[in-house]
Protein backbone atom coordinates (compact mmCIF):
# COMPACT_ATOMS: atom_id res chain seq x y z
CA MET A 1 163.24 -1.74 271.53
CA ASN A 2 160.22 0.13 270.25
CA SER A 3 159.54 -0.37 266.58
CA PHE A 4 160.24 2.46 264.19
CA ARG A 5 156.68 3.06 263.08
CA ILE A 6 155.85 4.69 259.80
CA LYS A 7 152.15 4.72 259.05
CA ALA A 8 150.68 4.11 255.63
CA MET A 9 149.02 6.97 253.83
CA ASP A 10 145.86 8.16 255.59
CA ASN A 11 143.61 7.68 252.61
CA GLU A 12 144.62 4.04 252.38
CA SER A 13 144.44 3.22 256.10
CA LYS A 14 140.84 2.10 255.89
CA ILE A 15 141.80 -0.90 253.72
CA ILE A 16 144.51 -2.17 256.06
CA PRO A 17 143.20 -4.98 258.26
CA LYS A 18 143.40 -4.36 261.98
CA ASN A 19 143.34 -7.99 263.08
CA ASN A 20 146.26 -9.43 261.11
CA HIS A 21 148.80 -9.43 263.95
CA ILE A 22 151.24 -11.75 262.14
CA LYS A 23 151.34 -9.44 259.16
CA ASN A 24 151.81 -6.30 261.22
CA GLU A 25 154.59 -7.78 263.32
CA ILE A 26 156.50 -9.05 260.28
CA ILE A 27 156.27 -5.73 258.45
CA ASP A 28 157.19 -3.79 261.58
CA ARG A 29 160.31 -5.90 262.15
CA PHE A 30 161.27 -5.68 258.48
CA ILE A 31 160.94 -1.87 258.50
CA ASP A 32 163.01 -1.75 261.71
CA HIS A 33 165.65 -3.87 259.98
CA LEU A 34 165.81 -1.56 256.95
CA TRP A 35 166.06 1.52 259.14
CA LEU A 36 168.83 0.11 261.32
CA GLN A 37 170.83 -1.50 258.51
CA ASP A 38 170.50 1.03 255.68
CA GLY A 39 169.40 4.23 257.41
CA LEU A 40 166.71 4.75 254.77
CA SER A 41 164.66 7.94 254.80
CA LYS A 42 161.18 8.10 256.29
CA ASN A 43 159.64 8.51 252.83
CA THR A 44 161.41 5.42 251.50
CA LEU A 45 160.41 3.34 254.50
CA ASN A 46 156.86 4.62 254.15
CA SER A 47 156.82 3.43 250.53
CA TYR A 48 158.00 -0.05 251.59
CA ARG A 49 155.33 -0.25 254.28
CA PHE A 50 152.60 1.01 251.96
CA ASP A 51 153.37 -1.60 249.27
CA LEU A 52 153.59 -4.44 251.79
CA GLU A 53 150.38 -3.56 253.59
CA LEU A 54 148.45 -3.46 250.32
CA PHE A 55 149.96 -6.83 249.36
CA THR A 56 149.09 -8.49 252.65
CA GLU A 57 145.59 -7.03 252.54
CA TRP A 58 145.12 -8.61 249.11
CA LEU A 59 146.53 -11.91 250.39
CA THR A 60 144.09 -11.96 253.28
CA LYS A 61 140.99 -11.09 251.26
CA LYS A 62 141.72 -12.90 248.00
CA LEU A 63 143.69 -15.99 249.01
CA LYS A 64 143.03 -16.25 252.77
CA LYS A 65 146.79 -16.47 253.36
CA ASN A 66 149.38 -14.70 255.48
CA ILE A 67 152.71 -13.56 254.17
CA LEU A 68 154.65 -16.57 255.51
CA ASP A 69 152.69 -18.95 253.26
CA VAL A 70 153.18 -17.09 249.98
CA SER A 71 154.20 -18.98 246.85
CA GLN A 72 155.69 -17.80 243.58
CA ALA A 73 152.29 -18.27 241.92
CA ASP A 74 150.66 -16.03 244.54
CA ILE A 75 153.10 -13.19 243.83
CA GLN A 76 152.67 -13.58 240.08
CA GLN A 77 148.90 -13.46 240.54
CA TYR A 78 149.22 -10.26 242.56
CA LEU A 79 151.50 -8.67 239.95
CA SER A 80 148.93 -9.57 237.28
CA PHE A 81 146.26 -7.97 239.45
CA LYS A 82 148.31 -4.76 239.78
CA PHE A 83 149.63 -4.62 236.21
CA PRO A 84 146.61 -3.07 234.39
CA THR A 85 146.55 -0.02 236.70
CA SER A 86 150.27 0.36 237.43
CA LYS A 87 153.28 1.58 235.49
CA ALA A 88 156.24 -0.71 234.86
CA ARG A 89 158.34 1.34 237.25
CA SER A 90 155.78 0.87 240.05
CA ILE A 91 155.63 -2.89 239.44
CA SER A 92 159.42 -3.04 239.48
CA ARG A 93 159.52 -1.14 242.79
CA LEU A 94 156.89 -3.45 244.27
CA LEU A 95 158.81 -6.54 243.21
CA ALA A 96 162.05 -5.10 244.64
CA THR A 97 160.24 -4.53 247.95
CA LEU A 98 158.98 -8.11 248.03
CA ARG A 99 162.44 -9.42 247.18
CA ARG A 100 163.99 -7.56 250.08
CA LEU A 101 161.28 -8.78 252.44
CA PHE A 102 161.61 -12.46 251.54
CA ARG A 103 165.40 -12.37 251.64
CA TYR A 104 165.07 -10.96 255.13
CA LEU A 105 162.55 -13.66 256.10
CA LEU A 106 164.84 -16.33 254.65
CA ARG A 107 167.78 -15.11 256.76
CA GLU A 108 165.52 -15.05 259.82
CA ASN A 109 164.38 -18.66 259.10
CA LYS A 110 160.77 -17.53 258.83
CA VAL A 111 160.40 -19.07 255.37
CA LYS A 112 162.21 -21.97 253.67
CA ILE A 113 162.33 -20.60 250.10
CA ASP A 114 162.31 -17.18 248.45
CA PRO A 115 159.17 -17.09 246.24
CA THR A 116 160.49 -14.08 244.30
CA LEU A 117 163.66 -15.84 243.15
CA GLU A 118 162.54 -16.77 239.62
CA ILE A 119 160.24 -13.79 238.95
CA LEU A 120 161.63 -11.39 236.34
CA SER A 121 161.31 -7.63 236.73
CA PRO A 122 159.49 -5.76 233.96
CA LYS A 123 161.67 -3.88 231.51
CA ILE A 124 161.66 -0.16 232.23
CA PRO A 125 162.31 2.19 229.29
CA LYS A 126 165.27 4.44 229.88
CA SER A 127 164.25 8.05 230.42
CA LEU A 128 166.95 10.66 230.26
CA PRO A 129 166.79 13.31 232.98
CA LYS A 130 165.67 16.72 231.77
CA SER A 131 168.42 19.30 231.86
CA LEU A 132 169.34 22.83 230.79
CA SER A 133 171.96 24.08 228.39
CA GLU A 134 174.84 26.09 229.83
CA GLU A 135 173.34 29.21 228.24
CA GLU A 136 169.98 28.57 229.92
CA VAL A 137 171.66 28.07 233.29
CA GLU A 138 173.58 31.31 232.83
CA SER A 139 170.36 33.14 232.03
CA LEU A 140 168.63 31.69 235.09
CA LEU A 141 171.50 32.55 237.44
CA ASN A 142 171.55 36.14 236.22
CA THR A 143 167.83 36.73 236.78
CA PRO A 144 167.65 37.68 240.51
CA ASN A 145 167.95 41.39 241.30
CA VAL A 146 171.06 41.38 243.50
CA LYS A 147 170.43 45.01 244.52
CA THR A 148 167.68 43.75 246.84
CA ILE A 149 168.32 41.73 250.00
CA CYS A 150 166.08 38.85 248.91
CA GLY A 151 167.40 38.94 245.35
CA LEU A 152 170.96 38.60 246.67
CA ARG A 153 169.87 35.63 248.78
CA ASP A 154 168.18 34.00 245.78
CA LYS A 155 171.26 34.56 243.63
CA ALA A 156 173.45 32.88 246.26
CA MET A 157 171.05 29.92 246.50
CA LEU A 158 170.93 29.39 242.74
CA GLU A 159 174.71 29.69 242.40
CA LEU A 160 175.29 27.19 245.21
CA LEU A 161 172.67 24.76 243.90
CA TYR A 162 174.29 24.67 240.46
CA ALA A 163 177.89 24.78 241.71
CA CYS A 164 177.40 21.77 244.01
CA GLY A 165 174.60 19.78 242.36
CA LEU A 166 172.63 19.70 245.61
CA ARG A 167 169.22 18.23 246.23
CA VAL A 168 166.78 20.95 247.25
CA SER A 169 166.37 19.39 250.72
CA GLU A 170 170.15 19.55 251.13
CA LEU A 171 170.23 23.19 250.04
CA VAL A 172 167.55 24.49 252.40
CA ASN A 173 168.95 22.57 255.39
CA ILE A 174 172.52 23.89 255.16
CA LEU A 175 173.77 25.25 258.48
CA LEU A 176 176.18 28.17 258.85
CA THR A 177 178.56 25.83 260.66
CA GLU A 178 178.73 23.56 257.61
CA LEU A 179 180.41 26.20 255.45
CA SER A 180 184.17 26.59 255.13
CA MET A 181 184.87 29.75 253.15
CA THR A 182 188.65 29.42 253.50
CA GLU A 183 188.61 25.89 252.10
CA GLY A 184 185.81 26.61 249.65
CA VAL A 185 183.86 23.49 250.64
CA ILE A 186 180.53 22.68 252.21
CA ARG A 187 179.51 19.69 254.32
CA VAL A 188 176.27 18.30 252.94
CA THR A 189 173.92 15.91 254.73
CA GLY A 190 172.17 13.78 252.12
CA LYS A 191 169.91 10.73 252.01
CA GLY A 192 170.22 8.33 254.91
CA SER A 193 171.94 11.10 256.94
CA LYS A 194 175.15 10.46 254.99
CA THR A 195 177.51 13.43 254.81
CA ARG A 196 179.88 14.45 252.04
CA LEU A 197 182.21 17.38 251.35
CA VAL A 198 181.49 19.27 248.13
CA PRO A 199 183.64 22.07 246.66
CA MET A 200 181.67 25.26 246.03
CA GLY A 201 183.83 26.98 243.43
CA GLU A 202 185.00 30.61 243.51
CA GLU A 203 181.83 32.07 241.98
CA ALA A 204 179.50 30.46 244.51
CA VAL A 205 181.83 31.33 247.41
CA ASP A 206 181.85 34.99 246.38
CA TRP A 207 178.05 35.16 246.21
CA ILE A 208 177.65 33.35 249.56
CA LYS A 209 180.04 35.86 251.15
CA ARG A 210 178.09 38.79 249.70
CA TYR A 211 174.81 37.30 250.89
CA ILE A 212 176.10 36.78 254.44
CA ASN A 213 177.76 40.21 254.66
CA GLU A 214 175.15 42.34 252.89
CA SER A 215 171.83 40.56 253.05
CA ARG A 216 171.32 37.88 255.68
CA ASN A 217 171.23 40.08 258.79
CA ASN A 218 168.90 42.53 257.05
CA ILE A 219 166.50 39.70 256.28
CA LEU A 220 166.68 38.37 259.85
CA LYS A 221 166.01 41.79 261.44
CA LYS A 222 167.68 41.01 264.79
CA LYS A 223 166.37 37.44 264.83
CA THR A 224 168.80 34.50 264.87
CA SER A 225 168.91 31.30 262.85
CA LYS A 226 171.37 28.44 262.51
CA TYR A 227 170.39 27.96 258.87
CA LEU A 228 172.28 29.61 256.04
CA PHE A 229 169.26 30.53 253.93
CA ILE A 230 166.31 32.14 255.64
CA THR A 231 163.01 33.79 254.71
CA ILE A 232 161.80 37.28 255.56
CA ARG A 233 160.00 35.73 258.55
CA GLY A 234 163.35 34.63 259.95
CA SER A 235 162.68 30.92 259.49
CA ALA A 236 164.63 28.46 257.35
CA MET A 237 163.86 28.48 253.65
CA THR A 238 161.50 25.63 252.75
CA ARG A 239 161.58 23.31 249.75
CA GLN A 240 158.20 24.61 248.60
CA ALA A 241 159.22 28.27 248.88
CA PHE A 242 162.41 27.70 246.90
CA TRP A 243 160.54 25.68 244.28
CA TYR A 244 158.27 28.71 243.80
CA LEU A 245 161.29 31.03 243.52
CA ILE A 246 163.10 28.98 240.88
CA LYS A 247 159.87 28.58 238.91
CA ARG A 248 159.34 32.36 238.94
CA TYR A 249 162.92 33.07 237.87
CA SER A 250 162.70 30.57 235.01
CA ILE A 251 159.63 32.43 233.68
CA ILE A 252 161.49 35.75 233.89
CA ALA A 253 164.49 34.16 232.13
CA LYS A 254 162.10 32.91 229.40
CA ILE A 255 163.16 29.30 229.81
CA LYS A 256 160.54 27.18 228.05
CA LYS A 257 161.50 23.84 229.61
CA PRO A 258 159.82 22.48 232.76
CA MET A 259 161.70 23.83 235.76
CA SER A 260 162.37 22.55 239.26
CA PRO A 261 165.35 22.65 241.64
CA HIS A 262 166.22 19.10 240.55
CA ILE A 263 166.70 20.30 236.97
CA LEU A 264 169.73 22.33 238.12
CA ARG A 265 171.13 19.20 239.80
CA HIS A 266 170.79 17.38 236.48
CA ALA A 267 172.43 20.31 234.68
CA PHE A 268 175.34 20.23 237.15
CA ALA A 269 176.00 16.54 236.46
CA THR A 270 175.43 16.74 232.71
CA HIS A 271 177.75 19.73 232.26
CA LEU A 272 180.50 18.08 234.31
CA ILE A 273 180.30 14.94 232.16
CA ASN A 274 180.24 17.06 228.98
CA HIS A 275 183.47 18.74 230.08
CA GLY A 276 185.23 15.43 230.74
CA ALA A 277 184.66 14.81 234.46
CA ASP A 278 185.23 11.27 235.71
CA LEU A 279 182.01 9.37 236.43
CA ARG A 280 183.22 8.31 239.90
CA VAL A 281 183.91 11.94 240.81
CA VAL A 282 180.42 12.97 239.70
CA GLN A 283 178.98 10.07 241.74
CA MET A 284 180.74 11.32 244.88
CA LEU A 285 179.70 14.93 244.31
CA LEU A 286 176.06 13.96 243.82
CA GLY A 287 176.06 11.63 246.81
CA HIS A 288 174.86 8.60 244.82
CA SER A 289 175.40 5.32 246.68
CA ASP A 290 175.34 3.33 243.42
CA ILE A 291 177.24 4.38 240.31
CA SER A 292 174.49 2.95 238.10
CA THR A 293 172.37 5.93 239.19
CA THR A 294 175.08 8.29 237.94
CA GLN A 295 175.59 6.46 234.64
CA ILE A 296 172.39 7.94 233.21
CA TYR A 297 174.33 11.18 232.67
CA THR A 298 176.71 9.46 230.26
CA HIS A 299 173.64 8.81 228.08
CA VAL A 300 172.71 12.49 228.30
CA ALA A 301 176.20 13.50 227.19
CA ARG A 302 176.16 10.90 224.42
CA GLU A 303 172.85 12.21 223.08
CA ARG A 304 174.26 15.74 223.06
CA LEU A 305 177.37 14.64 221.17
CA LYS A 306 175.23 12.84 218.59
CA LYS A 307 173.16 15.99 218.01
CA LEU A 308 176.31 18.12 217.68
CA HIS A 309 177.71 15.63 215.16
CA GLU A 310 174.48 15.64 213.14
CA SER A 311 174.37 19.44 213.15
CA HIS A 312 177.97 20.27 212.36
CA HIS A 313 179.62 17.33 210.62
CA PRO A 314 179.43 17.47 206.79
CA ARG A 315 178.32 13.83 206.74
CA GLY A 316 176.16 14.06 209.89
């Protein structure tokens, strides 16, 4: 079987040794293993490869070792080398990558011990995701001029993004065949090619219907497309183009906070939690594989409740 090859970033390729065949073969097989077992995205696999190739390059030049001879002290030395120029989150990601690699090598009987076993991850300060208030979301959703064909399309996209909490890549890749107007649900393909069914809600369904009936064919101008949302050139909407649209609408709506499509995804989750939604339900709707990723929104809701208490309670 041919290896699933994901090259390191071009600007770093010059520092990757060409003659370390042991290193390349080990990393290649490990990346193959991750792809086959977990179905990770190309970007995620690329990050794993990038970290490992930098590590093995350092091993070769600094310690004259290959990855099968690494000790705990070697890894700690490398982390110390990286620490002054790296954030805690980057160090934590690097250590997680090394842990996965050595557990794999241990199972494959390539090494006898896991050198990462007793190394502690750095503490990462909790950062709450930025979000919008319900009033700000309402203002944003009402900004597009629905009397124009592109404005109607943009309105439908914003309504669907907020109604379903989609990632922008999920939004722009929706196919017409993945919509069920009668059931009011959409089949979404998320990270790792995993699919989930997400309810759209009456408001979003109504705007999608209007867009399809009144706008989409006029935008296509006799062209055809399997994608739900298309540009005036008849091609599928891109992440970059939609990012530009939502940024422009946020300026028109006079929203002062930083804006991106992901902010609406955060708003979707935060508002659901604020209105009493179960955390497991929110996890399924967002397509999170681990509930710990979803739990951050309970902190957002808690912060909001504390502020409301301080503002309105006589002893706040």
